[in-house]
N, C-alpha and C. Protein backbone atom coordinates (compact mmCIF):
# COMPACT_ATOMS: atom_id res chain seq x y z
N MET A 1 0.86 -1.17 0.00
CA MET A 1 0.00 0.00 0.00
C MET A 1 0.91 1.24 0.00
N SER A 2 0.59 2.21 -0.84
CA SER A 2 1.39 3.43 -0.91
C SER A 2 1.20 4.25 0.36
N ASP A 3 2.12 5.18 0.58
CA ASP A 3 2.02 6.05 1.75
C ASP A 3 0.73 6.86 1.73
N ASP A 4 0.41 7.44 0.58
CA ASP A 4 -0.82 8.25 0.49
C ASP A 4 -2.06 7.41 0.74
N ASP A 5 -2.09 6.19 0.21
CA ASP A 5 -3.23 5.29 0.43
C ASP A 5 -3.36 4.90 1.90
N LEU A 6 -2.22 4.60 2.52
CA LEU A 6 -2.24 4.23 3.94
C LEU A 6 -2.75 5.39 4.79
N LEU A 7 -2.23 6.57 4.55
CA LEU A 7 -2.65 7.73 5.34
C LEU A 7 -4.13 8.03 5.14
N ALA A 8 -4.59 7.97 3.91
CA ALA A 8 -6.01 8.23 3.64
C ALA A 8 -6.89 7.18 4.31
N ALA A 9 -6.53 5.90 4.20
CA ALA A 9 -7.33 4.83 4.80
C ALA A 9 -7.37 4.96 6.31
N PHE A 10 -6.24 5.34 6.92
CA PHE A 10 -6.21 5.53 8.37
C PHE A 10 -7.10 6.69 8.78
N GLU A 11 -6.94 7.82 8.10
CA GLU A 11 -7.70 9.01 8.49
C GLU A 11 -9.19 8.86 8.22
N GLU A 12 -9.55 8.02 7.25
CA GLU A 12 -10.96 7.75 6.97
C GLU A 12 -11.48 6.58 7.81
N CYS A 13 -10.60 5.98 8.59
CA CYS A 13 -10.92 4.80 9.42
C CYS A 13 -11.39 3.63 8.58
N SER A 14 -10.91 3.57 7.33
CA SER A 14 -11.31 2.49 6.43
C SER A 14 -10.20 1.44 6.26
N LEU A 15 -9.08 1.62 6.92
CA LEU A 15 -8.01 0.63 6.86
C LEU A 15 -8.53 -0.66 7.46
N PRO A 16 -8.46 -1.77 6.71
CA PRO A 16 -8.97 -3.04 7.27
C PRO A 16 -8.24 -3.40 8.57
N LEU A 17 -8.99 -3.87 9.53
CA LEU A 17 -8.44 -4.19 10.84
C LEU A 17 -7.22 -5.12 10.76
N PRO A 18 -7.21 -6.15 9.90
CA PRO A 18 -6.00 -7.00 9.83
C PRO A 18 -4.74 -6.24 9.38
N GLN A 19 -4.92 -5.09 8.75
CA GLN A 19 -3.77 -4.29 8.31
C GLN A 19 -3.35 -3.25 9.36
N TRP A 20 -4.09 -3.16 10.46
CA TRP A 20 -3.78 -2.21 11.52
C TRP A 20 -2.76 -2.85 12.46
N SER A 21 -1.54 -2.93 11.98
CA SER A 21 -0.45 -3.60 12.67
C SER A 21 0.52 -2.60 13.28
N HIS A 22 1.47 -3.11 14.02
CA HIS A 22 2.52 -2.23 14.56
C HIS A 22 3.28 -1.57 13.41
N GLN A 23 3.53 -2.33 12.36
CA GLN A 23 4.23 -1.79 11.19
C GLN A 23 3.46 -0.62 10.58
N ALA A 24 2.14 -0.73 10.52
CA ALA A 24 1.31 0.37 10.02
C ALA A 24 1.43 1.59 10.94
N HIS A 25 1.46 1.36 12.25
CA HIS A 25 1.64 2.45 13.21
C HIS A 25 2.96 3.19 12.94
N VAL A 26 4.03 2.44 12.74
CA VAL A 26 5.35 3.04 12.49
C VAL A 26 5.34 3.83 11.19
N ARG A 27 4.77 3.24 10.14
CA ARG A 27 4.70 3.95 8.86
C ARG A 27 3.90 5.26 9.01
N LEU A 28 2.78 5.20 9.70
CA LEU A 28 1.97 6.41 9.90
C LEU A 28 2.72 7.44 10.75
N GLY A 29 3.42 6.99 11.76
CA GLY A 29 4.23 7.90 12.55
C GLY A 29 5.24 8.62 11.68
N PHE A 30 5.91 7.87 10.82
CA PHE A 30 6.86 8.47 9.89
C PHE A 30 6.16 9.49 8.99
N LEU A 31 5.01 9.13 8.46
CA LEU A 31 4.31 10.03 7.54
C LEU A 31 3.92 11.34 8.23
N TYR A 32 3.37 11.25 9.43
CA TYR A 32 3.02 12.47 10.15
C TYR A 32 4.26 13.29 10.49
N LEU A 33 5.30 12.63 10.96
CA LEU A 33 6.51 13.35 11.38
C LEU A 33 7.29 13.93 10.21
N SER A 34 7.13 13.37 9.03
CA SER A 34 7.83 13.94 7.88
C SER A 34 7.06 15.12 7.30
N ARG A 35 5.83 15.34 7.79
CA ARG A 35 5.00 16.43 7.27
C ARG A 35 4.67 17.49 8.31
N LEU A 36 4.79 17.12 9.58
CA LEU A 36 4.37 18.01 10.68
C LEU A 36 5.46 18.07 11.74
N GLY A 37 5.36 19.04 12.62
CA GLY A 37 6.24 19.09 13.78
C GLY A 37 5.88 17.98 14.77
N LEU A 38 6.77 17.73 15.71
CA LEU A 38 6.57 16.63 16.66
C LEU A 38 5.26 16.74 17.43
N THR A 39 4.97 17.88 18.00
CA THR A 39 3.76 18.04 18.82
C THR A 39 2.51 17.81 17.99
N GLU A 40 2.44 18.42 16.82
CA GLU A 40 1.25 18.24 15.97
C GLU A 40 1.14 16.81 15.46
N ALA A 41 2.28 16.20 15.14
CA ALA A 41 2.26 14.81 14.67
C ALA A 41 1.75 13.87 15.76
N ILE A 42 2.19 14.09 17.00
CA ILE A 42 1.70 13.27 18.11
C ILE A 42 0.20 13.48 18.29
N ASP A 43 -0.25 14.72 18.22
CA ASP A 43 -1.69 15.01 18.36
C ASP A 43 -2.50 14.31 17.28
N ARG A 44 -2.02 14.36 16.04
CA ARG A 44 -2.74 13.72 14.93
C ARG A 44 -2.75 12.21 15.08
N MET A 45 -1.63 11.64 15.51
CA MET A 45 -1.57 10.19 15.71
C MET A 45 -2.51 9.78 16.83
N ARG A 46 -2.49 10.50 17.93
CA ARG A 46 -3.36 10.20 19.07
C ARG A 46 -4.83 10.23 18.66
N SER A 47 -5.25 11.34 18.05
CA SER A 47 -6.66 11.46 17.68
C SER A 47 -7.03 10.44 16.60
N GLY A 48 -6.11 10.15 15.69
CA GLY A 48 -6.37 9.16 14.65
C GLY A 48 -6.54 7.76 15.21
N ILE A 49 -5.67 7.37 16.13
CA ILE A 49 -5.77 6.03 16.75
C ILE A 49 -7.08 5.91 17.53
N LYS A 50 -7.41 6.93 18.29
CA LYS A 50 -8.64 6.87 19.09
C LYS A 50 -9.87 6.79 18.18
N ALA A 51 -9.88 7.56 17.10
CA ALA A 51 -11.02 7.51 16.16
C ALA A 51 -11.09 6.15 15.48
N TYR A 52 -9.94 5.65 15.02
CA TYR A 52 -9.90 4.34 14.36
C TYR A 52 -10.41 3.25 15.31
N ASN A 53 -9.91 3.26 16.53
CA ASN A 53 -10.33 2.25 17.51
C ASN A 53 -11.83 2.31 17.76
N ALA A 54 -12.38 3.52 17.87
CA ALA A 54 -13.82 3.67 18.12
C ALA A 54 -14.64 3.11 16.96
N VAL A 55 -14.24 3.42 15.74
CA VAL A 55 -14.98 2.94 14.56
C VAL A 55 -14.93 1.42 14.46
N HIS A 56 -13.80 0.83 14.84
CA HIS A 56 -13.62 -0.61 14.69
C HIS A 56 -13.93 -1.40 15.96
N GLY A 57 -14.49 -0.73 16.96
CA GLY A 57 -14.93 -1.45 18.16
C GLY A 57 -13.80 -1.95 19.04
N ILE A 58 -12.64 -1.33 18.94
CA ILE A 58 -11.53 -1.71 19.80
C ILE A 58 -11.75 -1.04 21.15
N VAL A 59 -12.04 -1.87 22.14
CA VAL A 59 -12.41 -1.40 23.47
C VAL A 59 -11.16 -0.88 24.19
N ASP A 60 -11.33 0.22 24.89
CA ASP A 60 -10.23 0.77 25.68
C ASP A 60 -10.32 0.19 27.08
N GLY A 61 -9.35 -0.61 27.43
CA GLY A 61 -9.31 -1.24 28.75
C GLY A 61 -7.89 -1.24 29.28
N PRO A 62 -7.69 -1.80 30.46
CA PRO A 62 -6.36 -1.78 31.08
C PRO A 62 -5.25 -2.36 30.20
N ALA A 63 -5.54 -3.40 29.44
CA ALA A 63 -4.50 -4.05 28.64
C ALA A 63 -4.76 -3.93 27.14
N MET A 64 -5.67 -3.07 26.74
CA MET A 64 -5.98 -2.94 25.31
C MET A 64 -6.39 -1.51 24.99
N GLY A 65 -6.44 -1.21 23.71
CA GLY A 65 -6.84 0.12 23.29
C GLY A 65 -5.68 1.09 23.26
N TYR A 66 -5.99 2.36 23.29
CA TYR A 66 -4.98 3.40 23.16
C TYR A 66 -4.08 3.47 24.40
N HIS A 67 -2.77 3.64 24.16
CA HIS A 67 -1.78 3.75 25.24
C HIS A 67 -0.91 4.97 24.95
N GLU A 68 -1.06 6.00 25.78
CA GLU A 68 -0.39 7.28 25.54
C GLU A 68 1.14 7.17 25.53
N THR A 69 1.72 6.48 26.49
CA THR A 69 3.18 6.41 26.55
C THR A 69 3.74 5.62 25.37
N THR A 70 3.11 4.54 25.00
CA THR A 70 3.58 3.77 23.85
C THR A 70 3.54 4.63 22.59
N THR A 71 2.44 5.33 22.39
CA THR A 71 2.30 6.17 21.20
C THR A 71 3.37 7.26 21.19
N GLN A 72 3.48 7.99 22.28
CA GLN A 72 4.45 9.08 22.31
C GLN A 72 5.88 8.58 22.23
N ALA A 73 6.19 7.48 22.89
CA ALA A 73 7.56 6.96 22.85
C ALA A 73 7.94 6.58 21.42
N PHE A 74 7.06 5.87 20.73
CA PHE A 74 7.37 5.50 19.34
C PHE A 74 7.46 6.74 18.45
N MET A 75 6.58 7.69 18.64
CA MET A 75 6.66 8.91 17.84
C MET A 75 7.99 9.63 18.08
N ARG A 76 8.44 9.68 19.31
CA ARG A 76 9.72 10.33 19.63
C ARG A 76 10.90 9.55 19.05
N LEU A 77 10.84 8.22 19.08
CA LEU A 77 11.90 7.41 18.48
C LEU A 77 11.93 7.58 16.96
N ILE A 78 10.76 7.60 16.35
CA ILE A 78 10.69 7.81 14.90
C ILE A 78 11.24 9.19 14.55
N HIS A 79 10.88 10.19 15.34
CA HIS A 79 11.37 11.55 15.13
C HIS A 79 12.90 11.59 15.19
N GLN A 80 13.48 10.93 16.18
CA GLN A 80 14.94 10.89 16.30
C GLN A 80 15.57 10.16 15.12
N ALA A 81 14.96 9.07 14.69
CA ALA A 81 15.50 8.33 13.55
C ALA A 81 15.49 9.18 12.28
N ILE A 82 14.43 9.93 12.08
CA ILE A 82 14.35 10.82 10.91
C ILE A 82 15.46 11.86 11.00
N ARG A 83 15.63 12.46 12.15
CA ARG A 83 16.65 13.51 12.33
C ARG A 83 18.07 12.96 12.16
N LYS A 84 18.33 11.77 12.71
CA LYS A 84 19.70 11.26 12.73
C LYS A 84 20.06 10.42 11.52
N ARG A 85 19.08 9.81 10.86
CA ARG A 85 19.38 8.87 9.78
C ARG A 85 18.80 9.27 8.43
N GLY A 86 17.97 10.33 8.42
CA GLY A 86 17.29 10.72 7.19
C GLY A 86 18.20 11.45 6.24
N PRO A 87 17.69 11.86 5.12
CA PRO A 87 16.28 11.79 4.72
C PRO A 87 15.91 10.41 4.17
N PHE A 88 14.61 10.20 4.05
CA PHE A 88 14.04 8.96 3.54
C PHE A 88 13.08 9.29 2.41
N ARG A 89 13.07 8.48 1.37
CA ARG A 89 12.16 8.70 0.24
C ARG A 89 10.71 8.52 0.65
N ASP A 90 10.46 7.49 1.46
CA ASP A 90 9.10 7.14 1.84
C ASP A 90 9.13 6.26 3.08
N SER A 91 7.95 5.83 3.51
CA SER A 91 7.88 5.03 4.73
C SER A 91 8.47 3.64 4.53
N HIS A 92 8.50 3.16 3.31
CA HIS A 92 9.10 1.85 3.05
C HIS A 92 10.61 1.90 3.28
N GLU A 93 11.25 2.95 2.78
CA GLU A 93 12.69 3.10 3.02
C GLU A 93 12.95 3.33 4.50
N PHE A 94 12.11 4.12 5.16
CA PHE A 94 12.27 4.35 6.59
C PHE A 94 12.22 3.02 7.34
N ARG A 95 11.27 2.20 7.01
CA ARG A 95 11.09 0.90 7.66
C ARG A 95 12.31 0.01 7.42
N GLU A 96 12.81 -0.01 6.21
CA GLU A 96 13.98 -0.85 5.88
C GLU A 96 15.23 -0.41 6.63
N ARG A 97 15.39 0.89 6.82
CA ARG A 97 16.61 1.41 7.44
C ARG A 97 16.52 1.54 8.96
N ASN A 98 15.34 1.24 9.52
CA ASN A 98 15.13 1.32 10.97
C ASN A 98 14.40 0.08 11.47
N PRO A 99 14.94 -1.10 11.23
CA PRO A 99 14.21 -2.33 11.57
C PRO A 99 13.93 -2.50 13.06
N GLU A 100 14.75 -1.90 13.92
CA GLU A 100 14.52 -2.06 15.36
C GLU A 100 13.18 -1.45 15.78
N LEU A 101 12.70 -0.45 15.04
CA LEU A 101 11.43 0.19 15.40
C LEU A 101 10.22 -0.67 15.01
N LEU A 102 10.46 -1.72 14.24
CA LEU A 102 9.37 -2.61 13.85
C LEU A 102 9.09 -3.67 14.91
N ASP A 103 9.92 -3.71 15.93
CA ASP A 103 9.73 -4.64 17.05
C ASP A 103 9.16 -3.86 18.23
N ARG A 104 7.94 -4.17 18.61
CA ARG A 104 7.29 -3.46 19.72
C ARG A 104 8.10 -3.54 21.00
N ARG A 105 8.88 -4.61 21.14
CA ARG A 105 9.67 -4.80 22.36
C ARG A 105 10.83 -3.82 22.49
N VAL A 106 11.09 -3.04 21.44
CA VAL A 106 12.19 -2.07 21.51
C VAL A 106 11.99 -1.10 22.67
N LEU A 107 10.75 -0.85 23.07
CA LEU A 107 10.52 0.05 24.20
C LEU A 107 11.12 -0.47 25.49
N LEU A 108 11.36 -1.79 25.57
CA LEU A 108 11.97 -2.35 26.77
C LEU A 108 13.46 -2.00 26.87
N CYS A 109 14.01 -1.38 25.84
CA CYS A 109 15.37 -0.82 25.92
C CYS A 109 15.35 0.53 26.63
N TYR A 110 14.17 1.10 26.76
CA TYR A 110 14.00 2.43 27.35
C TYR A 110 13.20 2.41 28.65
N TYR A 111 12.28 1.47 28.76
CA TYR A 111 11.38 1.38 29.90
C TYR A 111 11.46 0.00 30.54
N THR A 112 11.40 -0.02 31.88
CA THR A 112 11.20 -1.31 32.52
C THR A 112 9.77 -1.75 32.24
N ARG A 113 9.55 -3.02 32.28
CA ARG A 113 8.21 -3.58 32.03
C ARG A 113 7.19 -2.97 33.00
N GLU A 114 7.59 -2.84 34.26
CA GLU A 114 6.69 -2.30 35.27
C GLU A 114 6.26 -0.87 34.95
N ARG A 115 7.19 -0.08 34.46
CA ARG A 115 6.87 1.32 34.17
C ARG A 115 5.95 1.46 32.97
N ILE A 116 6.23 0.73 31.90
CA ILE A 116 5.41 0.85 30.69
C ILE A 116 4.02 0.25 30.91
N LEU A 117 3.92 -0.73 31.81
CA LEU A 117 2.61 -1.35 32.08
C LEU A 117 1.85 -0.67 33.22
N ASP A 118 2.45 0.32 33.84
CA ASP A 118 1.77 1.06 34.92
C ASP A 118 0.53 1.73 34.33
N PRO A 119 -0.62 1.64 35.00
CA PRO A 119 -1.84 2.27 34.48
C PRO A 119 -1.68 3.76 34.18
N ALA A 120 -0.84 4.45 34.93
CA ALA A 120 -0.62 5.88 34.66
C ALA A 120 0.00 6.10 33.29
N ALA A 121 0.83 5.17 32.84
CA ALA A 121 1.50 5.29 31.53
C ALA A 121 0.52 5.13 30.38
N LYS A 122 -0.58 4.47 30.63
CA LYS A 122 -1.59 4.29 29.59
C LYS A 122 -2.31 5.60 29.31
N HIS A 123 -2.52 6.40 30.33
CA HIS A 123 -3.33 7.61 30.20
C HIS A 123 -2.55 8.90 29.99
N SER A 124 -1.28 8.91 30.42
CA SER A 124 -0.46 10.09 30.18
C SER A 124 0.99 9.65 29.97
N PHE A 125 1.74 10.46 29.25
CA PHE A 125 3.11 10.10 28.92
C PHE A 125 3.98 10.08 30.16
N VAL A 126 4.75 9.00 30.32
CA VAL A 126 5.76 8.92 31.37
C VAL A 126 7.12 8.76 30.70
N GLU A 127 8.10 9.43 31.28
CA GLU A 127 9.46 9.37 30.75
C GLU A 127 10.04 7.98 30.99
N PRO A 128 10.96 7.56 30.14
CA PRO A 128 11.59 6.25 30.32
C PRO A 128 12.47 6.21 31.56
N ASP A 129 12.68 5.01 32.09
CA ASP A 129 13.48 4.86 33.29
C ASP A 129 14.76 4.05 33.06
N ILE A 130 15.03 3.67 31.79
CA ILE A 130 16.27 2.95 31.48
C ILE A 130 17.20 3.84 30.66
N ALA A 131 16.71 4.38 29.56
CA ALA A 131 17.53 5.21 28.68
C ALA A 131 16.65 6.28 28.04
N PRO A 132 17.24 7.43 27.73
CA PRO A 132 16.44 8.50 27.09
C PRO A 132 16.04 8.12 25.67
N LEU A 133 14.89 8.60 25.25
CA LEU A 133 14.38 8.29 23.91
C LEU A 133 15.22 8.92 22.82
N GLU A 134 16.09 9.83 23.15
CA GLU A 134 16.97 10.43 22.16
C GLU A 134 18.00 9.43 21.64
N LEU A 135 18.22 8.34 22.37
CA LEU A 135 19.19 7.32 21.97
C LEU A 135 18.51 6.27 21.11
N VAL A 136 18.30 6.58 19.85
CA VAL A 136 17.67 5.63 18.94
C VAL A 136 18.74 4.76 18.31
N GLY A 137 18.41 3.48 18.12
CA GLY A 137 19.36 2.60 17.44
C GLY A 137 20.13 1.71 18.37
């Protein structure tokens, strides 16, 4: 799927649920961050995920649904990768050159399991307790 098609499908909430993967999240993060500043990109990603989840019946609960720290942490890591390793032609090249971001467990390089799973981290951004998010790679 092209970048423009992915972005349109996400924003229209028409992206098929089986395609709503971590990889799609990373690609969308790259697309927003390559077009917007960090704060606006995070806001658009947050509102987009919440709208998409609502349309597709993804229930927000303690272990599911939108997670603020996960979203912001990945957006900040993607932002750092763009700054330090870019430019990139598109999200496909970004994905190829930043494979560590395609593994959701990469956050465990920055956060202890207890901190990322803390209920407070789901609702508001908490800073990492292992390493700063500026250290991508």
